[in-house]
Amino acid sequence: MTKTAALRIRIAPELHQDFLEICKHQDLSASHVLRQFMRSYVEEHRNEQQGELFSINKKRQQHDN
């Protein structure tokens, strides 16, 4: 996958330092951990959103009948 976007966030310096230390201790890059979290978050919420859309469509079908 080609990486073509960047994300810039502001966080407390202490949180940043703690995060980097933990990543280093686990032999993972901070970028890898954040991408992994983002994929999990999107997948979790995509499923919720699909469930909501299914529910809306089901209600519409019931209303139309």
Protein backbone atom coordinates (compact mmCIF):
# COMPACT_ATOMS: atom_id res chain seq x y z
CA MET A 1 0.00 0.00 0.00
CA THR A 2 1.40 3.39 -0.99
CA LYS A 3 1.18 5.96 1.76
CA THR A 4 0.03 9.28 0.36
CA ALA A 5 -1.60 11.04 3.32
CA ALA A 6 -0.32 12.41 6.59
CA LEU A 7 -2.04 13.14 9.86
CA ARG A 8 -0.81 15.80 12.25
CA ILE A 9 -2.14 15.89 15.81
CA ARG A 10 -1.32 17.79 18.97
CA ILE A 11 -0.78 15.78 22.13
CA ALA A 12 0.77 16.36 25.51
CA PRO A 13 4.56 15.91 25.43
CA GLU A 14 4.36 13.38 28.27
CA LEU A 15 1.86 11.23 26.37
CA HIS A 16 4.04 11.42 23.28
CA GLN A 17 7.14 10.36 25.17
CA ASP A 18 5.34 7.51 26.99
CA PHE A 19 3.86 6.27 23.72
CA LEU A 20 7.22 6.29 21.95
CA GLU A 21 8.89 4.46 24.84
CA ILE A 22 6.24 1.74 24.88
CA CYS A 23 6.43 1.33 21.10
CA LYS A 24 10.20 1.05 21.31
CA HIS A 25 9.94 -1.50 24.13
CA GLN A 26 7.62 -3.58 21.92
CA ASP A 27 9.95 -3.14 18.94
CA LEU A 28 7.21 -1.40 16.94
CA SER A 29 7.23 1.96 15.23
CA ALA A 30 4.77 4.56 16.45
CA SER A 31 3.43 4.85 12.90
CA HIS A 32 2.75 1.12 12.73
CA VAL A 33 0.85 1.17 16.03
CA LEU A 34 -1.24 4.16 14.98
CA ARG A 35 -2.06 2.64 11.58
CA GLN A 36 -3.03 -0.63 13.29
CA PHE A 37 -5.29 1.26 15.71
CA MET A 38 -6.86 3.25 12.88
CA ARG A 39 -7.62 0.10 10.87
CA SER A 40 -9.24 -1.55 13.89
CA TYR A 41 -11.24 1.58 14.71
CA VAL A 42 -12.49 1.98 11.15
CA GLU A 43 -13.44 -1.69 10.88
CA GLU A 44 -15.31 -1.60 14.21
CA HIS A 45 -17.25 1.52 13.36
CA ARG A 46 -17.80 0.61 9.73
CA ASN A 47 -19.64 -2.48 10.95
CA GLU A 48 -21.74 -0.35 13.30
CA GLN A 49 -22.55 2.05 10.48
CA GLN A 50 -23.50 -0.79 8.15
CA GLY A 51 -25.80 -2.16 10.87
CA GLU A 52 -27.47 1.22 11.21
CA LEU A 53 -27.96 1.48 7.44
CA PHE A 54 -29.43 -2.03 7.36
CA SER A 55 -31.83 -1.07 10.14
CA ILE A 56 -32.90 2.11 8.32
CA ASN A 57 -33.47 0.18 5.07
CA LYS A 58 -35.48 -2.47 6.90
CA LYS A 59 -37.70 0.22 8.48
CA ARG A 60 -38.22 1.84 5.07
CA GLN A 61 -39.24 -1.48 3.55
CA GLN A 62 -41.71 -2.10 6.37
CA HIS A 63 -43.14 1.40 5.96
CA ASP A 64 -43.51 0.97 2.17
CA ASN A 65 -45.48 -2.28 2.56
